[in-house]
């Protein structure tokens, strides 16, 4: 388990370093997660220890929202002054995420149907 956590943290560190030196406009952990995904994809499998550790972390994911909630409450006066833009951003990003998921699903269904038709020929 320690090795898997170390792996996750190393990928996060590499992401942070790349973002810092390349001045990328995305968070370092996102870049690290993308690098981890790509390396696992090329490897073709997920090591058992990493799989178990990731599932354990995901089971306790709700605990990671506690600091964010505390931050909102500490800065409530500042957040309350920006309610309209925050609501607009949440609703807009939700609508865009739903639309992107729907379009992706439609494209994957068409691709699957095309492959099935090709196999039948």
PDB file of N, CA and C in Angstrom:
ATOM      1  N   UNK A   1       0.828  -1.189   0.000  1.00  0.00           N
ATOM      2  CA  UNK A   1       0.000   0.000   0.000  1.00  0.00           C
ATOM      3  C   UNK A   1       0.877   1.260   0.000  1.00  0.00           C
ATOM      4  N   UNK A   2       1.961   1.226   0.738  1.00  0.00           N
ATOM      5  CA  UNK A   2       2.865   2.375   0.796  1.00  0.00           C
ATOM      6  C   UNK A   2       3.472   2.659  -0.576  1.00  0.00           C
ATOM      7  N   UNK A   3       3.802   1.607  -1.301  1.00  0.00           N
ATOM      8  CA  UNK A   3       4.356   1.770  -2.643  1.00  0.00           C
ATOM      9  C   UNK A   3       3.352   2.403  -3.591  1.00  0.00           C
ATOM     10  N   UNK A   4       2.073   2.010  -3.465  1.00  0.00           N
ATOM     11  CA  UNK A   4       1.038   2.571  -4.328  1.00  0.00           C
ATOM     12  C   UNK A   4       0.790   4.041  -4.012  1.00  0.00           C
ATOM     13  N   UNK A   5       0.764   4.385  -2.731  1.00  0.00           N
ATOM     14  CA  UNK A   5       0.592   5.793  -2.351  1.00  0.00           C
ATOM     15  C   UNK A   5       1.780   6.608  -2.840  1.00  0.00           C
ATOM     16  N   UNK A   6       2.967   6.043  -2.727  1.00  0.00           N
ATOM     17  CA  UNK A   6       4.159   6.725  -3.228  1.00  0.00           C
ATOM     18  C   UNK A   6       4.048   6.951  -4.737  1.00  0.00           C
ATOM     19  N   UNK A   7       3.575   5.956  -5.459  1.00  0.00           N
ATOM     20  CA  UNK A   7       3.381   6.092  -6.903  1.00  0.00           C
ATOM     21  C   UNK A   7       2.423   7.229  -7.218  1.00  0.00           C
ATOM     22  N   UNK A   8       1.299   7.277  -6.517  1.00  0.00           N
ATOM     23  CA  UNK A   8       0.319   8.337  -6.748  1.00  0.00           C
ATOM     24  C   UNK A   8       0.918   9.710  -6.454  1.00  0.00           C
ATOM     25  N   UNK A   9       1.659   9.818  -5.362  1.00  0.00           N
ATOM     26  CA  UNK A   9       2.262  11.097  -4.999  1.00  0.00           C
ATOM     27  C   UNK A   9       3.374  11.503  -5.957  1.00  0.00           C
ATOM     28  N   UNK A  10       4.124  10.543  -6.474  1.00  0.00           N
ATOM     29  CA  UNK A  10       5.172  10.860  -7.447  1.00  0.00           C
ATOM     30  C   UNK A  10       4.551  11.404  -8.727  1.00  0.00           C
ATOM     31  N   UNK A  11       3.465  10.786  -9.187  1.00  0.00           N
ATOM     32  CA  UNK A  11       2.786  11.299 -10.375  1.00  0.00           C
ATOM     33  C   UNK A  11       2.238  12.705 -10.123  1.00  0.00           C
ATOM     34  N   UNK A  12       1.718  12.940  -8.943  1.00  0.00           N
ATOM     35  CA  UNK A  12       1.237  14.276  -8.608  1.00  0.00           C
ATOM     36  C   UNK A  12       2.397  15.274  -8.614  1.00  0.00           C
ATOM     37  N   UNK A  13       3.522  14.887  -8.040  1.00  0.00           N
ATOM     38  CA  UNK A  13       4.696  15.755  -8.010  1.00  0.00           C
ATOM     39  C   UNK A  13       5.188  16.067  -9.423  1.00  0.00           C
ATOM     40  N   UNK A  14       5.249  15.049 -10.265  1.00  0.00           N
ATOM     41  CA  UNK A  14       5.680  15.267 -11.651  1.00  0.00           C
ATOM     42  C   UNK A  14       4.719  16.231 -12.351  1.00  0.00           C
ATOM     43  N   UNK A  15       3.424  16.059 -12.106  1.00  0.00           N
ATOM     44  CA  UNK A  15       2.447  16.981 -12.683  1.00  0.00           C
ATOM     45  C   UNK A  15       2.665  18.403 -12.205  1.00  0.00           C
ATOM     46  N   UNK A  16       2.908  18.575 -10.918  1.00  0.00           N
ATOM     47  CA  UNK A  16       3.158  19.910 -10.357  1.00  0.00           C
ATOM     48  C   UNK A  16       4.406  20.540 -10.973  1.00  0.00           C
ATOM     49  N   UNK A  17       5.455  19.747 -11.105  1.00  0.00           N
ATOM     50  CA  UNK A  17       6.704  20.255 -11.672  1.00  0.00           C
ATOM     51  C   UNK A  17       6.496  20.669 -13.132  1.00  0.00           C
ATOM     52  N   UNK A  18       5.811  19.831 -13.913  1.00  0.00           N
ATOM     53  CA  UNK A  18       5.554  20.171 -15.310  1.00  0.00           C
ATOM     54  C   UNK A  18       4.726  21.448 -15.436  1.00  0.00           C
ATOM     55  N   UNK A  19       3.692  21.569 -14.620  1.00  0.00           N
ATOM     56  CA  UNK A  19       2.856  22.771 -14.658  1.00  0.00           C
ATOM     57  C   UNK A  19       3.684  23.999 -14.313  1.00  0.00           C
ATOM     58  N   UNK A  20       4.545  23.857 -13.318  1.00  0.00           N
ATOM     59  CA  UNK A  20       5.363  24.996 -12.890  1.00  0.00           C
ATOM     60  C   UNK A  20       6.341  25.420 -13.984  1.00  0.00           C
ATOM     61  N   UNK A  21       7.072  24.466 -14.548  1.00  0.00           N
ATOM     62  CA  UNK A  21       8.108  24.813 -15.519  1.00  0.00           C
ATOM     63  C   UNK A  21       7.553  25.142 -16.904  1.00  0.00           C
ATOM     64  N   UNK A  22       6.431  24.550 -17.272  1.00  0.00           N
ATOM     65  CA  UNK A  22       5.842  24.823 -18.591  1.00  0.00           C
ATOM     66  C   UNK A  22       4.765  25.892 -18.535  1.00  0.00           C
ATOM     67  N   UNK A  23       4.470  26.394 -17.340  1.00  0.00           N
ATOM     68  CA  UNK A  23       3.438  27.425 -17.144  1.00  0.00           C
ATOM     69  C   UNK A  23       2.113  27.003 -17.769  1.00  0.00           C
ATOM     70  N   UNK A  24       1.716  25.780 -17.487  1.00  0.00           N
ATOM     71  CA  UNK A  24       0.456  25.266 -18.022  1.00  0.00           C
ATOM     72  C   UNK A  24      -0.718  25.817 -17.218  1.00  0.00           C
ATOM     73  N   UNK A  25      -1.849  26.053 -17.875  1.00  0.00           N
ATOM     74  CA  UNK A  25      -3.000  26.638 -17.171  1.00  0.00           C
ATOM     75  C   UNK A  25      -3.908  25.606 -16.518  1.00  0.00           C
ATOM     76  N   UNK A  26      -3.369  24.492 -16.091  1.00  0.00           N
ATOM     77  CA  UNK A  26      -4.158  23.444 -15.426  1.00  0.00           C
ATOM     78  C   UNK A  26      -3.475  23.073 -14.115  1.00  0.00           C
ATOM     79  N   UNK A  27      -4.222  22.534 -13.165  1.00  0.00           N
ATOM     80  CA  UNK A  27      -3.607  22.123 -11.896  1.00  0.00           C
ATOM     81  C   UNK A  27      -2.624  20.961 -12.082  1.00  0.00           C
ATOM     82  N   UNK A  28      -1.579  20.960 -11.291  1.00  0.00           N
ATOM     83  CA  UNK A  28      -0.580  19.900 -11.351  1.00  0.00           C
ATOM     84  C   UNK A  28      -1.134  18.506 -11.130  1.00  0.00           C
ATOM     85  N   UNK A  29      -2.042  18.325 -10.140  1.00  0.00           N
ATOM     86  CA  UNK A  29      -2.593  16.984  -9.951  1.00  0.00           C
ATOM     87  C   UNK A  29      -3.357  16.459 -11.170  1.00  0.00           C
ATOM     88  N   UNK A  30      -3.955  17.355 -11.943  1.00  0.00           N
ATOM     89  CA  UNK A  30      -4.665  16.924 -13.157  1.00  0.00           C
ATOM     90  C   UNK A  30      -3.654  16.405 -14.180  1.00  0.00           C
ATOM     91  N   UNK A  31      -2.548  17.103 -14.338  1.00  0.00           N
ATOM     92  CA  UNK A  31      -1.503  16.650 -15.253  1.00  0.00           C
ATOM     93  C   UNK A  31      -0.922  15.323 -14.765  1.00  0.00           C
ATOM     94  N   UNK A  32      -0.694  15.208 -13.460  1.00  0.00           N
ATOM     95  CA  UNK A  32      -0.200  13.953 -12.903  1.00  0.00           C
ATOM     96  C   UNK A  32      -1.167  12.805 -13.125  1.00  0.00           C
ATOM     97  N   UNK A  33      -2.464  13.080 -12.958  1.00  0.00           N
ATOM     98  CA  UNK A  33      -3.472  12.045 -13.174  1.00  0.00           C
ATOM     99  C   UNK A  33      -3.489  11.610 -14.645  1.00  0.00           C
ATOM    100  N   UNK A  34      -3.339  12.568 -15.555  1.00  0.00           N
ATOM    101  CA  UNK A  34      -3.285  12.245 -16.976  1.00  0.00           C
ATOM    102  C   UNK A  34      -2.058  11.394 -17.294  1.00  0.00           C
ATOM    103  N   UNK A  35      -0.922  11.742 -16.708  1.00  0.00           N
ATOM    104  CA  UNK A  35       0.289  10.944 -16.916  1.00  0.00           C
ATOM    105  C   UNK A  35       0.140   9.532 -16.353  1.00  0.00           C
ATOM    106  N   UNK A  36      -0.483   9.417 -15.183  1.00  0.00           N
ATOM    107  CA  UNK A  36      -0.734   8.097 -14.599  1.00  0.00           C
ATOM    108  C   UNK A  36      -1.651   7.283 -15.503  1.00  0.00           C
ATOM    109  N   UNK A  37      -2.721   7.917 -15.987  1.00  0.00           N
ATOM    110  CA  UNK A  37      -3.649   7.233 -16.889  1.00  0.00           C
ATOM    111  C   UNK A  37      -2.926   6.731 -18.128  1.00  0.00           C
ATOM    112  N   UNK A  38      -2.121   7.605 -18.743  1.00  0.00           N
ATOM    113  CA  UNK A  38      -1.415   7.211 -19.967  1.00  0.00           C
ATOM    114  C   UNK A  38      -0.427   6.073 -19.712  1.00  0.00           C
ATOM    115  N   UNK A  39       0.296   6.140 -18.595  1.00  0.00           N
ATOM    116  CA  UNK A  39       1.256   5.071 -18.316  1.00  0.00           C
ATOM    117  C   UNK A  39       0.551   3.740 -18.042  1.00  0.00           C
ATOM    118  N   UNK A  40      -0.582   3.793 -17.341  1.00  0.00           N
ATOM    119  CA  UNK A  40      -1.335   2.550 -17.100  1.00  0.00           C
ATOM    120  C   UNK A  40      -1.955   2.032 -18.383  1.00  0.00           C
ATOM    121  N   UNK A  41      -2.370   2.938 -19.244  1.00  0.00           N
ATOM    122  CA  UNK A  41      -2.968   2.542 -20.521  1.00  0.00           C
ATOM    123  C   UNK A  41      -1.927   1.835 -21.392  1.00  0.00           C
ATOM    124  N   UNK A  42      -0.725   2.414 -21.458  1.00  0.00           N
ATOM    125  CA  UNK A  42       0.328   1.793 -22.257  1.00  0.00           C
ATOM    126  C   UNK A  42       0.773   0.466 -21.649  1.00  0.00           C
ATOM    127  N   UNK A  43       0.758   0.400 -20.324  1.00  0.00           N
ATOM    128  CA  UNK A  43       1.122  -0.855 -19.650  1.00  0.00           C
ATOM    129  C   UNK A  43       0.075  -1.925 -19.897  1.00  0.00           C
ATOM    130  N   UNK A  44      -1.184  -1.509 -19.967  1.00  0.00           N
ATOM    131  CA  UNK A  44      -2.255  -2.447 -20.265  1.00  0.00           C
ATOM    132  C   UNK A  44      -2.918  -3.052 -19.051  1.00  0.00           C
ATOM    133  N   UNK A  45      -2.445  -2.722 -17.867  1.00  0.00           N
ATOM    134  CA  UNK A  45      -3.059  -3.257 -16.661  1.00  0.00           C
ATOM    135  C   UNK A  45      -2.758  -2.337 -15.485  1.00  0.00           C
ATOM    136  N   UNK A  46      -3.500  -2.563 -14.414  1.00  0.00           N
ATOM    137  CA  UNK A  46      -3.303  -1.797 -13.184  1.00  0.00           C
ATOM    138  C   UNK A  46      -2.721  -2.747 -12.137  1.00  0.00           C
ATOM    139  N   UNK A  47      -1.593  -2.399 -11.546  1.00  0.00           N
ATOM    140  CA  UNK A  47      -1.041  -3.266 -10.496  1.00  0.00           C
ATOM    141  C   UNK A  47      -2.048  -3.441  -9.357  1.00  0.00           C
ATOM    142  N   UNK A  48      -2.080  -4.627  -8.779  1.00  0.00           N
ATOM    143  CA  UNK A  48      -3.054  -4.936  -7.719  1.00  0.00           C
ATOM    144  C   UNK A  48      -2.965  -3.959  -6.555  1.00  0.00           C
ATOM    145  N   UNK A  49      -1.758  -3.643  -6.117  1.00  0.00           N
ATOM    146  CA  UNK A  49      -1.595  -2.732  -4.986  1.00  0.00           C
ATOM    147  C   UNK A  49      -2.151  -1.353  -5.283  1.00  0.00           C
ATOM    148  N   UNK A  50      -1.920  -0.869  -6.489  1.00  0.00           N
ATOM    149  CA  UNK A  50      -2.432   0.438  -6.882  1.00  0.00           C
ATOM    150  C   UNK A  50      -3.952   0.411  -6.979  1.00  0.00           C
ATOM    151  N   UNK A  51      -4.493  -0.665  -7.513  1.00  0.00           N
ATOM    152  CA  UNK A  51      -5.948  -0.818  -7.619  1.00  0.00           C
ATOM    153  C   UNK A  51      -6.600  -0.821  -6.243  1.00  0.00           C
ATOM    154  N   UNK A  52      -6.052  -1.583  -5.331  1.00  0.00           N
ATOM    155  CA  UNK A  52      -6.599  -1.666  -3.974  1.00  0.00           C
ATOM    156  C   UNK A  52      -6.499  -0.331  -3.252  1.00  0.00           C
ATOM    157  N   UNK A  53      -5.357   0.321  -3.359  1.00  0.00           N
ATOM    158  CA  UNK A  53      -5.154   1.601  -2.691  1.00  0.00           C
ATOM    159  C   UNK A  53      -6.083   2.665  -3.257  1.00  0.00           C
ATOM    160  N   UNK A  54      -6.210   2.725  -4.576  1.00  0.00           N
ATOM    161  CA  UNK A  54      -7.095   3.714  -5.208  1.00  0.00           C
ATOM    162  C   UNK A  54      -8.539   3.495  -4.782  1.00  0.00           C
ATOM    163  N   UNK A  55      -8.981   2.250  -4.714  1.00  0.00           N
ATOM    164  CA  UNK A  55     -10.356   1.974  -4.273  1.00  0.00           C
ATOM    165  C   UNK A  55     -10.563   2.374  -2.815  1.00  0.00           C
ATOM    166  N   UNK A  56      -9.566   2.147  -1.984  1.00  0.00           N
ATOM    167  CA  UNK A  56      -9.668   2.545  -0.575  1.00  0.00           C
ATOM    168  C   UNK A  56      -9.775   4.055  -0.456  1.00  0.00           C
ATOM    169  N   UNK A  57      -8.959   4.778  -1.216  1.00  0.00           N
ATOM    170  CA  UNK A  57      -9.030   6.236  -1.200  1.00  0.00           C
ATOM    171  C   UNK A  57     -10.391   6.712  -1.688  1.00  0.00           C
ATOM    172  N   UNK A  58     -10.898   6.108  -2.747  1.00  0.00           N
ATOM    173  CA  UNK A  58     -12.199   6.508  -3.288  1.00  0.00           C
ATOM    174  C   UNK A  58     -13.336   6.261  -2.299  1.00  0.00           C
ATOM    175  N   UNK A  59     -13.228   5.231  -1.476  1.00  0.00           N
ATOM    176  CA  UNK A  59     -14.263   4.957  -0.480  1.00  0.00           C
ATOM    177  C   UNK A  59     -14.347   6.070   0.558  1.00  0.00           C
ATOM    178  N   UNK A  60     -13.254   6.789   0.755  1.00  0.00           N
ATOM    179  CA  UNK A  60     -13.220   7.863   1.743  1.00  0.00           C
ATOM    180  C   UNK A  60     -13.112   9.236   1.087  1.00  0.00           C
ATOM    181  N   UNK A  61     -13.523   9.321  -0.163  1.00  0.00           N
ATOM    182  CA  UNK A  61     -13.414  10.563  -0.923  1.00  0.00           C
ATOM    183  C   UNK A  61     -14.209  11.705  -0.303  1.00  0.00           C
ATOM    184  N   UNK A  62     -15.328  11.389   0.326  1.00  0.00           N
ATOM    185  CA  UNK A  62     -16.155  12.450   0.902  1.00  0.00           C
ATOM    186  C   UNK A  62     -15.410  13.242   1.973  1.00  0.00           C
ATOM    187  N   UNK A  63     -14.434  12.634   2.626  1.00  0.00           N
ATOM    188  CA  UNK A  63     -13.650  13.351   3.635  1.00  0.00           C
ATOM    189  C   UNK A  63     -12.846  14.503   3.026  1.00  0.00           C
ATOM    190  N   UNK A  64     -12.529  14.391   1.736  1.00  0.00           N
ATOM    191  CA  UNK A  64     -11.759  15.441   1.091  1.00  0.00           C
ATOM    192  C   UNK A  64     -12.584  16.706   0.853  1.00  0.00           C
ATOM    193  N   UNK A  65     -13.902  16.602   0.966  1.00  0.00           N
ATOM    194  CA  UNK A  65     -14.746  17.773   0.773  1.00  0.00           C
ATOM    195  C   UNK A  65     -14.894  18.593   2.047  1.00  0.00           C
ATOM    196  N   UNK A  66     -14.491  18.058   3.173  1.00  0.00           N
ATOM    197  CA  UNK A  66     -14.601  18.784   4.443  1.00  0.00           C
ATOM    198  C   UNK A  66     -13.781  20.073   4.427  1.00  0.00           C
ATOM    199  N   UNK A  67     -12.501  20.048   4.013  1.00  0.00           N
ATOM    200  CA  UNK A  67     -11.752  21.313   3.985  1.00  0.00           C
ATOM    201  C   UNK A  67     -12.383  22.346   3.046  1.00  0.00           C
ATOM    202  N   UNK A  68     -12.919  21.913   1.915  1.00  0.00           N
ATOM    203  CA  UNK A  68     -13.560  22.852   0.994  1.00  0.00           C
ATOM    204  C   UNK A  68     -14.790  23.471   1.643  1.00  0.00           C
ATOM    205  N   UNK A  69     -15.572  22.667   2.331  1.00  0.00           N
ATOM    206  CA  UNK A  69     -16.753  23.190   3.029  1.00  0.00           C
ATOM    207  C   UNK A  69     -16.386  24.172   4.120  1.00  0.00           C
ATOM    208  N   UNK A  70     -15.326  23.871   4.847  1.00  0.00           N
ATOM    209  CA  UNK A  70     -14.855  24.783   5.893  1.00  0.00           C
ATOM    210  C   UNK A  70     -14.384  26.082   5.261  1.00  0.00           C
ATOM    211  N   UNK A  71     -13.688  25.994   4.137  1.00  0.00           N
ATOM    212  CA  UNK A  71     -13.220  27.191   3.445  1.00  0.00           C
ATOM    213  C   UNK A  71     -14.360  28.072   2.988  1.00  0.00           C
ATOM    214  N   UNK A  72     -15.431  27.452   2.495  1.00  0.00           N
ATOM    215  CA  UNK A  72     -16.599  28.226   2.079  1.00  0.00           C
ATOM    216  C   UNK A  72     -17.213  28.930   3.284  1.00  0.00           C
ATOM    217  N   UNK A  73     -17.302  28.241   4.401  1.00  0.00           N
ATOM    218  CA  UNK A  73     -17.900  28.859   5.589  1.00  0.00           C
ATOM    219  C   UNK A  73     -17.016  29.977   6.150  1.00  0.00           C
ATOM    220  N   UNK A  74     -15.708  29.805   6.102  1.00  0.00           N
ATOM    221  CA  UNK A  74     -14.802  30.834   6.599  1.00  0.00           C
ATOM    222  C   UNK A  74     -14.899  32.097   5.746  1.00  0.00           C
ATOM    223  N   UNK A  75     -15.040  31.910   4.440  1.00  0.00           N
ATOM    224  CA  UNK A  75     -15.110  33.037   3.513  1.00  0.00           C
ATOM    225  C   UNK A  75     -16.538  33.259   3.016  1.00  0.00           C
ATOM    226  N   UNK A  76     -17.523  32.979   3.866  1.00  0.00           N
ATOM    227  CA  UNK A  76     -18.923  33.067   3.461  1.00  0.00           C
ATOM    228  C   UNK A  76     -19.297  34.461   2.966  1.00  0.00           C
ATOM    229  N   UNK A  77     -18.810  35.504   3.616  1.00  0.00           N
ATOM    230  CA  UNK A  77     -19.173  36.862   3.196  1.00  0.00           C
ATOM    231  C   UNK A  77     -18.658  37.146   1.788  1.00  0.00           C
ATOM    232  N   UNK A  78     -17.489  36.678   1.493  1.00  0.00           N
ATOM    233  CA  UNK A  78     -16.936  36.872   0.144  1.00  0.00           C
ATOM    234  C   UNK A  78     -17.702  36.056  -0.889  1.00  0.00           C
ATOM    235  N   UNK A  79     -18.019  34.801  -0.542  1.00  0.00           N
ATOM    236  CA  UNK A  79     -18.752  33.927  -1.452  1.00  0.00           C
ATOM    237  C   UNK A  79     -20.170  34.437  -1.664  1.00  0.00           C
ATOM    238  N   UNK A  80     -20.800  34.934  -0.609  1.00  0.00           N
ATOM    239  CA  UNK A  80     -22.187  35.395  -0.742  1.00  0.00           C
ATOM    240  C   UNK A  80     -22.305  36.595  -1.675  1.00  0.00           C
ATOM    241  N   UNK A  81     -21.246  37.362  -1.822  1.00  0.00           N
ATOM    242  CA  UNK A  81     -21.262  38.487  -2.746  1.00  0.00           C
ATOM    243  C   UNK A  81     -21.137  38.065  -4.198  1.00  0.00           C
ATOM    244  N   UNK A  82     -20.790  36.825  -4.428  1.00  0.00           N
ATOM    245  CA  UNK A  82     -20.593  36.306  -5.784  1.00  0.00           C
ATOM    246  C   UNK A  82     -21.558  35.165  -6.103  1.00  0.00           C
ATOM    247  N   UNK A  83     -22.732  35.183  -5.492  1.00  0.00           N
ATOM    248  CA  UNK A  83     -23.676  34.067  -5.648  1.00  0.00           C
ATOM    249  C   UNK A  83     -24.110  33.891  -7.098  1.00  0.00           C
ATOM    250  N   UNK A  84     -24.462  34.969  -7.771  1.00  0.00           N
ATOM    251  CA  UNK A  84     -24.968  34.857  -9.145  1.00  0.00           C
ATOM    252  C   UNK A  84     -23.908  34.273 -10.079  1.00  0.00           C
ATOM    253  N   UNK A  85     -22.666  34.774 -10.095  1.00  0.00           N
ATOM    254  CA  UNK A  85     -21.666  34.148 -10.970  1.00  0.00           C
ATOM    255  C   UNK A  85     -21.378  32.689 -10.603  1.00  0.00           C
ATOM    256  N   UNK A  86     -21.398  32.384  -9.308  1.00  0.00           N
ATOM    257  CA  UNK A  86     -21.144  30.996  -8.892  1.00  0.00           C
ATOM    258  C   UNK A  86     -22.247  30.081  -9.392  1.00  0.00           C
ATOM    259  N   UNK A  87     -23.502  30.488  -9.222  1.00  0.00           N
ATOM    260  CA  UNK A  87     -24.630  29.674  -9.693  1.00  0.00           C
ATOM    261  C   UNK A  87     -24.576  29.532 -11.206  1.00  0.00           C
ATOM    262  N   UNK A  88     -24.279  30.634 -11.907  1.00  0.00           N
ATOM    263  CA  UNK A  88     -24.180  30.572 -13.370  1.00  0.00           C
ATOM    264  C   UNK A  88     -23.074  29.606 -13.799  1.00  0.00           C
ATOM    265  N   UNK A  89     -21.933  29.660 -13.107  1.00  0.00           N
ATOM    266  CA  UNK A  89     -20.827  28.771 -13.452  1.00  0.00           C
ATOM    267  C   UNK A  89     -21.179  27.312 -13.186  1.00  0.00           C
ATOM    268  N   UNK A  90     -21.824  27.050 -12.063  1.00  0.00           N
ATOM    269  CA  UNK A  90     -22.198  25.668 -11.732  1.00  0.00           C
ATOM    270  C   UNK A  90     -23.219  25.135 -12.730  1.00  0.00           C
ATOM    271  N   UNK A  91     -24.254  25.916 -13.012  1.00  0.00           N
ATOM    272  CA  UNK A  91     -25.285  25.473 -13.959  1.00  0.00           C
ATOM    273  C   UNK A  91     -24.719  25.335 -15.370  1.00  0.00           C
ATOM    274  N   UNK A  92     -23.905  26.303 -15.777  1.00  0.00           N
ATOM    275  CA  UNK A  92     -23.321  26.245 -17.118  1.00  0.00           C
ATOM    276  C   UNK A  92     -22.383  25.062 -17.288  1.00  0.00           C
ATOM    277  N   UNK A  93     -21.512  24.850 -16.323  1.00  0.00           N
ATOM    278  CA  UNK A  93     -20.572  23.735 -16.429  1.00  0.00           C
ATOM    279  C   UNK A  93     -21.288  22.389 -16.347  1.00  0.00           C
ATOM    280  N   UNK A  94     -22.362  22.324 -15.559  1.00  0.00           N
ATOM    281  CA  UNK A  94     -23.147  21.086 -15.489  1.00  0.00           C
ATOM    282  C   UNK A  94     -23.801  20.796 -16.828  1.00  0.00           C
ATOM    283  N   UNK A  95     -24.395  21.836 -17.437  1.00  0.00           N
ATOM    284  CA  UNK A  95     -25.035  21.659 -18.746  1.00  0.00           C
ATOM    285  C   UNK A  95     -24.013  21.234 -19.800  1.00  0.00           C
ATOM    286  N   UNK A  96     -22.839  21.859 -19.781  1.00  0.00           N
ATOM    287  CA  UNK A  96     -21.798  21.490 -20.742  1.00  0.00           C
ATOM    288  C   UNK A  96     -21.306  20.058 -20.521  1.00  0.00           C
ATOM    289  N   UNK A  97     -21.163  19.652 -19.262  1.00  0.00           N
ATOM    290  CA  UNK A  97     -20.722  18.286 -18.966  1.00  0.00           C
ATOM    291  C   UNK A  97     -21.752  17.264 -19.431  1.00  0.00           C
ATOM    292  N   UNK A  98     -23.030  17.558 -19.216  1.00  0.00           N
ATOM    293  CA  UNK A  98     -24.089  16.652 -19.662  1.00  0.00           C
ATOM    294  C   UNK A  98     -24.097  16.564 -21.181  1.00  0.00           C
ATOM    295  N   UNK A  99     -23.974  17.720 -21.848  1.00  0.00           N
ATOM    296  CA  UNK A  99     -23.961  17.733 -23.311  1.00  0.00           C
ATOM    297  C   UNK A  99     -22.757  16.978 -23.857  1.00  0.00           C
ATOM    298  N   UNK A 100     -21.582  17.187 -23.254  1.00  0.00           N
ATOM    299  CA  UNK A 100     -20.380  16.483 -23.706  1.00  0.00           C
ATOM    300  C   UNK A 100     -20.517  14.977 -23.510  1.00  0.00           C
ATOM    301  N   UNK A 101     -21.080  14.567 -22.384  1.00  0.00           N
ATOM    302  CA  UNK A 101     -21.281  13.129 -22.135  1.00  0.00           C
ATOM    303  C   UNK A 101     -22.276  12.542 -23.128  1.00  0.00           C
ATOM    304  N   UNK A 102     -23.344  13.269 -23.413  1.00  0.00           N
ATOM    305  CA  UNK A 102     -24.355  12.783 -24.359  1.00  0.00           C
ATOM    306  C   UNK A 102     -23.769  12.664 -25.762  1.00  0.00           C
ATOM    307  N   UNK A 103     -23.027  13.668 -26.203  1.00  0.00           N
ATOM    308  CA  UNK A 103     -22.429  13.615 -27.536  1.00  0.00           C
ATOM    309  C   UNK A 103     -21.386  12.510 -27.642  1.00  0.00           C
ATOM    310  N   UNK A 104     -20.612  12.332 -26.582  1.00  0.00           N
ATOM    311  CA  UNK A 104     -19.628  11.252 -26.571  1.00  0.00           C
ATOM    312  C   UNK A 104     -20.312   9.894 -26.632  1.00  0.00           C
ATOM    313  N   UNK A 105     -21.389   9.743 -25.874  1.00  0.00           N
ATOM    314  CA  UNK A 105     -22.134   8.473 -25.885  1.00  0.00           C
ATOM    315  C   UNK A 105     -22.717   8.198 -27.260  1.00  0.00           C
ATOM    316  N   UNK A 106     -23.286   9.221 -27.896  1.00  0.00           N
ATOM    317  CA  UNK A 106     -23.830   9.033 -29.246  1.00  0.00           C
ATOM    318  C   UNK A 106     -22.737   8.609 -30.224  1.00  0.00           C
ATOM    319  N   UNK A 107     -21.580   9.245 -30.137  1.00  0.00           N
ATOM    320  CA  UNK A 107     -20.471   8.897 -31.028  1.00  0.00           C
ATOM    321  C   UNK A 107     -20.004   7.462 -30.786  1.00  0.00           C
ATOM    322  N   UNK A 108     -19.930   7.054 -29.523  1.00  0.00           N
ATOM    323  CA  UNK A 108     -19.505   5.687 -29.212  1.00  0.00           C
ATOM    324  C   UNK A 108     -20.526   4.659 -29.668  1.00  0.00           C
ATOM    325  N   UNK A 109     -21.804   4.978 -29.549  1.00  0.00           N
ATOM    326  CA  UNK A 109     -22.854   4.066 -30.025  1.00  0.00           C
ATOM    327  C   UNK A 109     -22.756   3.910 -31.537  1.00  0.00           C
ATOM    328  N   UNK A 110     -22.584   5.037 -32.256  1.00  0.00           N
ATOM    329  CA  UNK A 110     -22.449   4.964 -33.715  1.00  0.00           C
ATOM    330  C   UNK A 110     -21.217   4.144 -34.104  1.00  0.00           C
ATOM    331  N   UNK A 111     -20.114   4.353 -33.415  1.00  0.00           N
ATOM    332  CA  UNK A 111     -18.892   3.609 -33.689  1.00  0.00           C
ATOM    333  C   UNK A 111     -19.103   2.119 -33.448  1.00  0.00           C
ATOM    334  N   UNK A 112     -19.757   1.788 -32.346  1.00  0.00           N
ATOM    335  CA  UNK A 112     -20.032   0.385 -32.038  1.00  0.00           C
ATOM    336  C   UNK A 112     -20.931  -0.233 -33.109  1.00  0.00           C
ATOM    337  N   UNK A 113     -21.985   0.475 -33.501  1.00  0.00           N
ATOM    338  CA  UNK A 113     -22.893  -0.036 -34.527  1.00  0.00           C
ATOM    339  C   UNK A 113     -22.166  -0.220 -35.858  1.00  0.00           C
ATOM    340  N   UNK A 114     -21.284   0.715 -36.179  1.00  0.00           N
ATOM    341  CA  UNK A 114     -20.504   0.609 -37.413  1.00  0.00           C
ATOM    342  C   UNK A 114     -19.601  -0.630 -37.385  1.00  0.00           C
ATOM    343  N   UNK A 115     -18.969  -0.877 -36.251  1.00  0.00           N
ATOM    344  CA  UNK A 115     -18.089  -2.048 -36.124  1.00  0.00           C
ATOM    345  C   UNK A 115     -18.889  -3.349 -36.212  1.00  0.00           C
ATOM    346  N   UNK A 116     -20.084  -3.352 -35.607  1.00  0.00           N
ATOM    347  CA  UNK A 116     -20.922  -4.550 -35.669  1.00  0.00           C
ATOM    348  C   UNK A 116     -21.322  -4.832 -37.113  1.00  0.00           C
ATOM    349  N   UNK A 117     -21.716  -3.764 -37.852  1.00  0.00           N
ATOM    350  CA  UNK A 117     -22.097  -3.937 -39.268  1.00  0.00           C
ATOM    351  C   UNK A 117     -20.917  -4.426 -40.088  1.00  0.00           C
ATOM    352  N   UNK A 118     -19.706  -3.938 -39.807  1.00  0.00           N
ATOM    353  CA  UNK A 118     -18.518  -4.362 -40.537  1.00  0.00           C
ATOM    354  C   UNK A 118     -18.215  -5.837 -40.288  1.00  0.00           C
ATOM    355  N   UNK A 119     -18.430  -6.297 -39.067  1.00  0.00           N
ATOM    356  CA  UNK A 119     -18.187  -7.694 -38.745  1.00  0.00           C
ATOM    357  C   UNK A 119     -19.202  -8.611 -39.406  1.00  0.00           C
ATOM    358  N   UNK A 120     -20.409  -8.128 -39.615  1.00  0.00           N
ATOM    359  CA  UNK A 120     -21.466  -8.932 -40.215  1.00  0.00           C
ATOM    360  C   UNK A 120     -21.250  -9.116 -41.710  1.00  0.00           C
ATOM    361  N   UNK A 121     -20.454  -8.265 -42.316  1.00  0.00           N
ATOM    362  CA  UNK A 121     -20.224  -8.372 -43.783  1.00  0.00           C
ATOM    363  C   UNK A 121     -19.276  -9.444 -44.126  1.00  0.00           C
TER     364      UNK A 121
END
